[in-house]
Protein backbone atom coordinates (compact mmCIF):
# COMPACT_ATOMS: atom_id res chain seq x y z
CA UNK A 1 89.93 -119.60 -136.70
CA UNK A 2 88.43 -117.58 -139.50
CA UNK A 3 86.18 -114.91 -139.74
CA UNK A 4 82.37 -115.14 -138.75
CA UNK A 5 79.39 -114.04 -140.89
CA UNK A 6 78.80 -111.20 -138.91
CA UNK A 7 82.28 -109.92 -139.45
CA UNK A 8 81.80 -110.60 -143.25
CA UNK A 9 78.97 -108.23 -143.26
CA UNK A 10 80.02 -105.78 -141.00
CA UNK A 11 83.20 -105.22 -143.15
CA UNK A 12 81.03 -105.15 -146.46
CA UNK A 13 78.49 -102.58 -144.63
CA UNK A 14 81.49 -100.24 -143.20
CA UNK A 15 83.14 -100.07 -146.80
CA UNK A 16 80.09 -99.51 -148.87
CA UNK A 17 78.63 -97.12 -146.84
CA UNK A 18 81.65 -94.69 -147.21
CA UNK A 19 81.14 -94.77 -150.85
CA UNK A 20 77.19 -94.35 -150.39
CA UNK A 21 77.85 -91.40 -148.23
CA UNK A 22 79.66 -90.09 -151.26
CA UNK A 23 77.22 -90.88 -153.60
CA UNK A 24 74.53 -89.16 -151.49
CA UNK A 25 76.31 -86.19 -151.65
CA UNK A 26 76.62 -85.63 -154.88
CA UNK A 27 73.04 -86.66 -155.42
CA UNK A 28 72.02 -83.98 -153.04
CA UNK A 29 73.94 -81.43 -154.45
CA UNK A 30 73.27 -82.02 -157.80
CA UNK A 31 69.33 -81.85 -156.79
CA UNK A 32 69.66 -78.50 -155.01
CA UNK A 33 72.58 -76.72 -156.73
CA UNK A 34 72.33 -77.75 -160.18
CA UNK A 35 68.64 -78.42 -160.94
CA UNK A 36 67.36 -76.09 -158.33
CA UNK A 37 65.04 -78.47 -156.25
CA UNK A 38 63.96 -76.16 -153.30
CA UNK A 39 64.27 -78.06 -149.65
CA UNK A 40 61.54 -76.17 -147.77
CA UNK A 41 62.15 -78.23 -144.91
CA UNK A 42 65.31 -79.37 -142.72
CA UNK A 43 68.34 -79.97 -144.91
CA UNK A 44 70.01 -82.42 -142.37
CA UNK A 45 66.87 -84.64 -141.94
CA UNK A 46 66.69 -85.10 -145.58
CA UNK A 47 70.50 -85.96 -145.63
CA UNK A 48 69.80 -88.55 -142.99
CA UNK A 49 66.65 -90.20 -144.73
CA UNK A 50 68.47 -90.25 -147.89
CA UNK A 51 71.49 -92.16 -146.67
CA UNK A 52 69.35 -94.42 -144.30
CA UNK A 53 67.45 -95.14 -147.54
CA UNK A 54 70.93 -95.78 -149.30
CA UNK A 55 72.10 -98.49 -146.44
CA UNK A 56 68.30 -99.95 -146.53
CA UNK A 57 69.27 -100.61 -150.35
CA UNK A 58 72.49 -101.76 -149.57
CA UNK A 59 71.05 -104.43 -146.97
CA UNK A 60 68.65 -105.45 -149.37
CA UNK A 61 71.51 -106.30 -151.71
CA UNK A 62 72.96 -108.12 -148.97
CA UNK A 63 70.01 -110.47 -148.72
CA UNK A 64 70.04 -111.01 -152.40
CA UNK A 65 73.89 -111.74 -152.79
CA UNK A 66 73.24 -114.16 -149.65
CA UNK A 67 70.48 -115.80 -150.88
CA UNK A 68 71.77 -116.54 -154.67
CA UNK A 69 74.53 -118.92 -155.67
CA UNK A 70 75.18 -117.50 -158.93
CA UNK A 71 75.85 -114.05 -159.73
CA UNK A 72 73.05 -113.90 -162.59
CA UNK A 73 70.40 -114.97 -160.52
CA UNK A 74 71.51 -112.15 -158.11
CA UNK A 75 71.25 -109.79 -160.97
CA UNK A 76 68.05 -111.16 -162.17
CA UNK A 77 66.50 -110.87 -158.70
CA UNK A 78 68.04 -107.45 -157.85
CA UNK A 79 66.58 -105.91 -161.53
CA UNK A 80 63.38 -107.90 -161.18
CA UNK A 81 62.47 -106.37 -158.07
CA UNK A 82 63.67 -103.05 -158.60
CA UNK A 83 61.16 -101.92 -161.02
CA UNK A 84 57.73 -103.21 -159.11
CA UNK A 85 59.34 -101.25 -156.22
CA UNK A 86 59.90 -98.23 -157.98
CA UNK A 87 56.25 -98.12 -159.49
CA UNK A 88 54.68 -99.13 -156.28
CA UNK A 89 56.04 -97.19 -153.90
CA UNK A 90 55.09 -93.83 -154.94
CA UNK A 91 58.09 -92.50 -156.86
CA UNK A 92 56.94 -92.73 -160.21
CA UNK A 93 52.87 -93.03 -159.40
CA UNK A 94 51.37 -91.71 -156.72
CA UNK A 95 50.08 -94.24 -153.98
CA UNK A 96 46.57 -92.29 -153.69
CA UNK A 97 46.08 -93.06 -157.41
CA UNK A 98 46.55 -96.91 -157.34
CA UNK A 99 43.92 -99.42 -156.82
CA UNK A 100 43.32 -100.28 -153.21
CA UNK A 101 44.86 -103.68 -153.48
CA UNK A 102 48.20 -102.31 -154.71
CA UNK A 103 47.95 -99.33 -152.05
CA UNK A 104 48.30 -101.78 -149.31
CA UNK A 105 50.88 -103.64 -151.01
CA UNK A 106 52.99 -100.51 -151.68
CA UNK A 107 52.47 -99.85 -147.75
CA UNK A 108 54.56 -102.92 -147.26
CA UNK A 109 57.64 -101.67 -149.58
CA UNK A 110 60.52 -100.48 -148.15
CA UNK A 111 60.70 -97.28 -149.86
CA UNK A 112 56.86 -96.07 -149.86
CA UNK A 113 56.74 -94.36 -146.44
CA UNK A 114 60.29 -92.69 -147.01
CA UNK A 115 59.11 -91.28 -150.19
CA UNK A 116 56.32 -89.77 -148.65
CA UNK A 117 58.54 -88.57 -146.07
CA UNK A 118 61.31 -87.06 -148.21
CA UNK A 119 58.48 -85.54 -150.37
CA UNK A 120 56.84 -83.85 -147.49
CA UNK A 121 60.17 -82.38 -146.07
CA UNK A 122 61.13 -80.98 -149.53
CA UNK A 123 58.07 -79.72 -150.74
CA UNK A 124 55.74 -78.92 -147.54
CA UNK A 125 58.93 -77.88 -145.00
CA UNK A 126 57.82 -80.33 -142.63
CA UNK A 127 59.75 -81.53 -139.66
CA UNK A 128 60.15 -84.99 -137.70
CA UNK A 129 57.23 -84.10 -135.44
CA UNK A 130 55.27 -84.81 -138.14
CA UNK A 131 53.66 -88.19 -138.46
CA UNK A 132 54.05 -88.44 -142.20
CA UNK A 133 57.82 -87.79 -141.72
CA UNK A 134 58.99 -89.79 -138.67
CA UNK A 135 56.86 -93.01 -140.18
CA UNK A 136 59.35 -92.87 -142.92
CA UNK A 137 62.49 -92.86 -140.82
CA UNK A 138 60.71 -95.52 -138.61
CA UNK A 139 60.11 -97.59 -141.81
CA UNK A 140 63.08 -97.40 -142.79
CA UNK A 141 64.88 -98.45 -140.03
CA UNK A 142 62.73 -101.55 -139.56
CA UNK A 143 63.79 -102.53 -143.29
CA UNK A 144 67.37 -102.01 -142.46
CA UNK A 145 67.05 -104.52 -139.46
CA UNK A 146 65.18 -106.91 -141.06
CA UNK A 147 67.17 -107.28 -143.90
CA UNK A 148 70.44 -107.45 -141.96
CA UNK A 149 68.96 -110.11 -139.62
CA UNK A 150 67.82 -112.12 -142.88
CA UNK A 151 71.56 -111.73 -144.36
CA UNK A 152 72.97 -112.96 -141.15
CA UNK A 153 70.74 -116.02 -140.73
CA UNK A 154 71.38 -116.80 -144.40
CA UNK A 155 74.72 -116.51 -144.11
CA UNK A 156 74.92 -118.20 -140.66
CA UNK A 157 73.05 -121.33 -142.51
CA UNK A 158 74.89 -121.33 -145.66
CA UNK A 159 78.27 -121.80 -143.67
CA UNK A 160 76.98 -124.78 -141.75
């Protein structure tokens, strides 16, 4: 008997997803109501993309926890990947201002297209029919699938 790797992963996703939805709500409420950031686009699309990005980050965390044997290794890997991803994804520094090589590397990161998408919805009022917006949704969903697949494969092989 026992539980399968899929059941373990599913239970983690469901419990952490509830917490993440609360965190997303707090961030968006503070961003819009407290700090006065204007949302010129559809707020529902902004919420959905933000939740999907949170789920993507959570799934990346599952990959890290599945790969690493020790907690300190997982912490180092998570922290070591966070800052470069933040710098290269256009959150802090615009992708257009990067050298060509870094620009192409940044397009392969989970956050880059979603950042462009969110920025386009918030500041320009663009909808899901714009390529810059729907590419962010598609890329995020693809990364979620990739991370969950890797987690499942690693968990399956670790269990024997």
